[in-house]
Every structure is written in structure tokens, then in C-alpha cells.
Amino acid sequence: MKKRTWLLAASALSLAVITGCATSPAPKTIADTAAATPQLSTLNKLINDAGLADTLRGPGPFTVFAPTNEAFQALPKATLDALAKDKDQLAAVLRYHVVPGKVMAADVKTGKAKTVQGAELNLSKAGTYVTVEEAMVVQADVSATNGVVHVIDRVLIPPRR
């Protein structure tokens, strides 16, 4: 009887391990994470429109402050239209959301961080709250194989040069 119970337990454990391996998601790059996240569908489309998907699938590491669909909807229509017509400007805006390196929320220091676009972002941390310029991080530390994504509630527009 004990042997039968042990075999059933071992079989159940083996099934759980096999099933767990089969259903756990494969690691994703930042671009693939954006593509798989419904609340980042607008960002995903713009990443592809700007020709940045391959870069965000590259080795990195990158920290991306990813605006939600609602953040893009809050932009004036004229701004979105202008970005849709100017691929270089769209790419510059998107690069302004990317910082080289992998910075987890716990590691954010209040101060400036240089973006891939070249300008600096103001980062601030108070307790567990992180802000980037005027945007609040609403979901932190979405790990990717080539960095980390922090979902934010606003679109960041780089300063004019």
C-alpha cells in the first residue's frame, strides 16, 4: 500500500514538473514583451512603425519606460498625427523612453538619466513610487531577456534642441 501511494505521489510530481515546464512562457525580449502586452499595443505598433523592433530585440540591456495605450490616447491628436508622418521624430520620441542598462525600480536613484535619444530624463523615487519626468510608473520591473520594462501613465516628449 505504501509503495502504491509513493508511486502515485511521484507520478503526480513528475506530471506537475512536466506540465509546469510546458506551460511556462518562454523568455521574451523587450519588443516581444510589448507585443504580448495588450495595454502596450499602441507602443508596439509605434515601435514597429519607427523600425525599432529589431533594436529592442537586440542584446541590450535596456530599461524602457513604456507608455500605456491610455497615455497615447491622452496626447493631442495633432501630436500623434505629426509623429505618424515623421518616422525620424517618432523614433526620437521612442528612444527618449529608453535608458541604456537594466535599472530595476528598487535601483532607481533620484536624478538624471541619459536616454538612448541623447537627452536626459528626470527620475524620482519616493518609497516604492517611481516617476519619470511627469509620468508615474504604474507597473514596475517587467523583466525581459535584454532588460526591463516599466509601464508608465504618460508619453514622454523630448525637449526641443
Protein backbone atom coordinates (compact mmCIF):
# COMPACT_ATOMS: atom_id res chain seq x y z
CA MET A 1 0.00 0.00 0.00
CA LYS A 2 2.81 2.45 0.90
CA LYS A 3 4.61 1.63 -2.34
CA ARG A 4 1.46 2.42 -4.35
CA THR A 5 0.98 5.78 -2.53
CA TRP A 6 4.62 6.67 -3.15
CA LEU A 7 4.28 5.82 -6.87
CA LEU A 8 1.14 7.95 -7.18
CA ALA A 9 2.86 10.86 -5.44
CA ALA A 10 5.94 10.50 -7.64
CA SER A 11 3.76 10.34 -10.76
CA ALA A 12 1.84 13.45 -9.71
CA LEU A 13 5.10 15.32 -9.03
CA SER A 14 6.51 14.28 -12.41
CA LEU A 15 3.32 15.41 -14.15
CA ALA A 16 3.44 18.76 -12.32
CA VAL A 17 7.07 19.32 -13.32
CA ILE A 18 6.44 18.35 -16.94
CA THR A 19 3.27 20.44 -17.14
CA GLY A 20 4.95 23.40 -15.46
CA CYS A 21 7.77 23.35 -17.98
CA ALA A 22 5.38 23.05 -20.88
CA THR A 23 3.15 25.94 -19.84
CA SER A 24 5.69 28.43 -18.54
CA PRO A 25 6.20 31.23 -21.05
CA ALA A 26 9.47 31.41 -22.92
CA PRO A 27 11.67 34.38 -22.02
CA LYS A 28 10.89 37.43 -24.18
CA THR A 29 12.82 40.44 -25.37
CA ILE A 30 11.56 43.95 -24.69
CA ALA A 31 10.00 44.15 -28.17
CA ASP A 32 8.30 40.78 -27.72
CA THR A 33 7.07 41.80 -24.26
CA ALA A 34 5.46 44.93 -25.72
CA ALA A 35 3.90 42.84 -28.49
CA ALA A 36 2.44 40.38 -25.97
CA THR A 37 1.05 43.01 -23.57
CA PRO A 38 -2.43 44.28 -24.53
CA GLN A 39 -2.04 47.58 -22.65
CA LEU A 40 1.10 48.31 -24.74
CA SER A 41 -0.41 47.63 -28.18
CA THR A 42 -0.08 51.25 -29.32
CA LEU A 43 3.56 51.33 -28.22
CA ASN A 44 4.16 48.04 -30.03
CA LYS A 45 2.68 49.44 -33.25
CA LEU A 46 4.81 52.59 -32.99
CA ILE A 47 7.97 50.58 -32.26
CA ASN A 48 7.36 48.69 -35.50
CA ASP A 49 6.43 51.86 -37.44
CA ALA A 50 9.67 53.52 -36.30
CA GLY A 51 11.77 50.49 -37.24
CA LEU A 52 12.96 49.93 -33.66
CA ALA A 53 11.68 46.37 -33.11
CA ASP A 54 14.99 44.75 -34.09
CA THR A 55 16.90 47.09 -31.77
CA LEU A 56 14.59 46.21 -28.87
CA ARG A 57 15.09 42.52 -29.66
CA GLY A 58 18.87 43.06 -29.58
CA PRO A 59 21.24 42.25 -26.75
CA GLY A 60 20.75 45.43 -24.71
CA PRO A 61 20.46 45.70 -21.84
CA PHE A 62 17.83 48.43 -21.94
CA THR A 63 15.42 49.99 -19.49
CA VAL A 64 12.24 51.03 -21.28
CA PHE A 65 9.63 53.36 -19.80
CA ALA A 66 6.62 52.09 -21.75
CA PRO A 67 3.55 54.32 -22.07
CA THR A 68 0.17 52.60 -21.93
CA ASN A 69 -2.45 52.83 -24.67
CA GLU A 70 -4.29 55.36 -22.47
CA ALA A 71 -1.15 57.51 -22.29
CA PHE A 72 -1.02 57.69 -26.08
CA GLN A 73 -4.76 58.46 -26.24
CA ALA A 74 -4.18 61.44 -23.92
CA LEU A 75 -1.80 63.06 -26.42
CA PRO A 76 -3.27 65.77 -28.64
CA LYS A 77 -4.36 64.34 -31.99
CA ALA A 78 -2.08 66.81 -33.80
CA THR A 79 0.94 65.39 -31.94
CA LEU A 80 0.05 61.81 -32.88
CA ASP A 81 -0.58 62.83 -36.49
CA ALA A 82 2.78 64.62 -36.68
CA LEU A 83 4.59 61.56 -35.28
CA ALA A 84 2.79 59.29 -37.74
CA LYS A 85 4.07 61.45 -40.63
CA ASP A 86 7.67 61.82 -39.39
CA LYS A 87 9.38 58.47 -38.77
CA ASP A 88 12.60 60.15 -37.54
CA GLN A 89 10.70 62.21 -34.97
CA LEU A 90 8.71 59.13 -33.90
CA ALA A 91 11.94 57.19 -33.42
CA ALA A 92 13.41 60.09 -31.39
CA VAL A 93 10.36 60.17 -29.10
CA LEU A 94 10.52 56.41 -28.58
CA ARG A 95 14.29 56.46 -27.94
CA TYR A 96 13.63 59.12 -25.29
CA HIS A 97 11.79 56.36 -23.36
CA VAL A 98 14.89 54.10 -23.34
CA VAL A 99 17.83 54.23 -20.95
CA PRO A 100 20.92 52.07 -21.50
CA GLY A 101 21.38 49.32 -18.91
CA LYS A 102 18.95 47.37 -16.78
CA VAL A 103 17.60 49.51 -13.93
CA MET A 104 15.11 47.82 -11.63
CA ALA A 105 12.70 50.07 -9.72
CA ALA A 106 14.49 49.38 -6.42
CA ASP A 107 17.73 50.66 -8.00
CA VAL A 108 16.32 53.96 -9.32
CA LYS A 109 18.10 56.97 -7.86
CA THR A 110 16.58 60.44 -7.87
CA GLY A 111 18.40 62.43 -10.51
CA LYS A 112 19.03 62.49 -14.23
CA ALA A 113 19.46 59.56 -16.58
CA LYS A 114 20.75 59.89 -20.15
CA THR A 115 18.45 58.30 -22.74
CA VAL A 116 19.37 56.47 -25.93
CA GLN A 117 17.94 59.51 -27.76
CA GLY A 118 20.62 61.69 -26.12
CA ALA A 119 18.58 63.92 -23.80
CA GLU A 120 18.26 63.37 -20.08
CA LEU A 121 15.21 62.25 -18.11
CA ASN A 122 14.46 63.31 -14.55
CA LEU A 123 13.92 60.24 -12.39
CA SER A 124 12.50 60.39 -8.90
CA LYS A 125 11.84 57.80 -6.24
CA ALA A 126 9.83 58.18 -3.06
CA GLY A 127 9.42 54.91 -1.17
CA THR A 128 8.19 52.44 -3.76
CA TYR A 129 6.87 55.13 -6.13
CA VAL A 130 8.95 55.94 -9.20
CA THR A 131 8.34 58.84 -11.55
CA VAL A 132 9.95 59.68 -14.87
CA GLU A 133 9.54 63.34 -15.74
CA GLU A 134 5.79 63.81 -15.07
CA ALA A 135 4.92 60.13 -15.63
CA MET A 136 4.22 57.65 -12.87
CA VAL A 137 5.46 54.07 -13.11
CA VAL A 138 2.23 52.07 -12.83
CA GLN A 139 3.83 48.64 -13.29
CA ALA A 140 7.49 48.18 -12.49
CA ASP A 141 10.08 45.52 -13.22
CA VAL A 142 8.61 43.61 -16.16
CA SER A 143 11.69 41.52 -16.87
CA ALA A 144 12.84 40.78 -20.39
CA THR A 145 15.81 38.83 -21.70
CA ASN A 146 17.50 42.07 -22.75
CA GLY A 147 16.48 44.41 -19.95
CA VAL A 148 13.43 45.61 -18.08
CA VAL A 149 10.18 47.42 -18.86
CA HIS A 150 8.49 49.90 -16.53
CA VAL A 151 4.95 50.75 -17.66
CA ILE A 152 4.16 54.47 -17.31
CA ASP A 153 0.99 56.56 -17.49
CA ARG A 154 2.21 59.32 -19.85
CA VAL A 155 4.10 59.70 -23.09
CA LEU A 156 7.42 61.49 -22.66
CA ILE A 157 8.27 64.13 -25.24
CA PRO A 158 11.97 65.02 -25.57
CA PRO A 159 13.00 68.66 -25.20
CA ARG A 160 13.50 70.60 -28.41
CA ARG A 161 17.13 71.05 -29.39
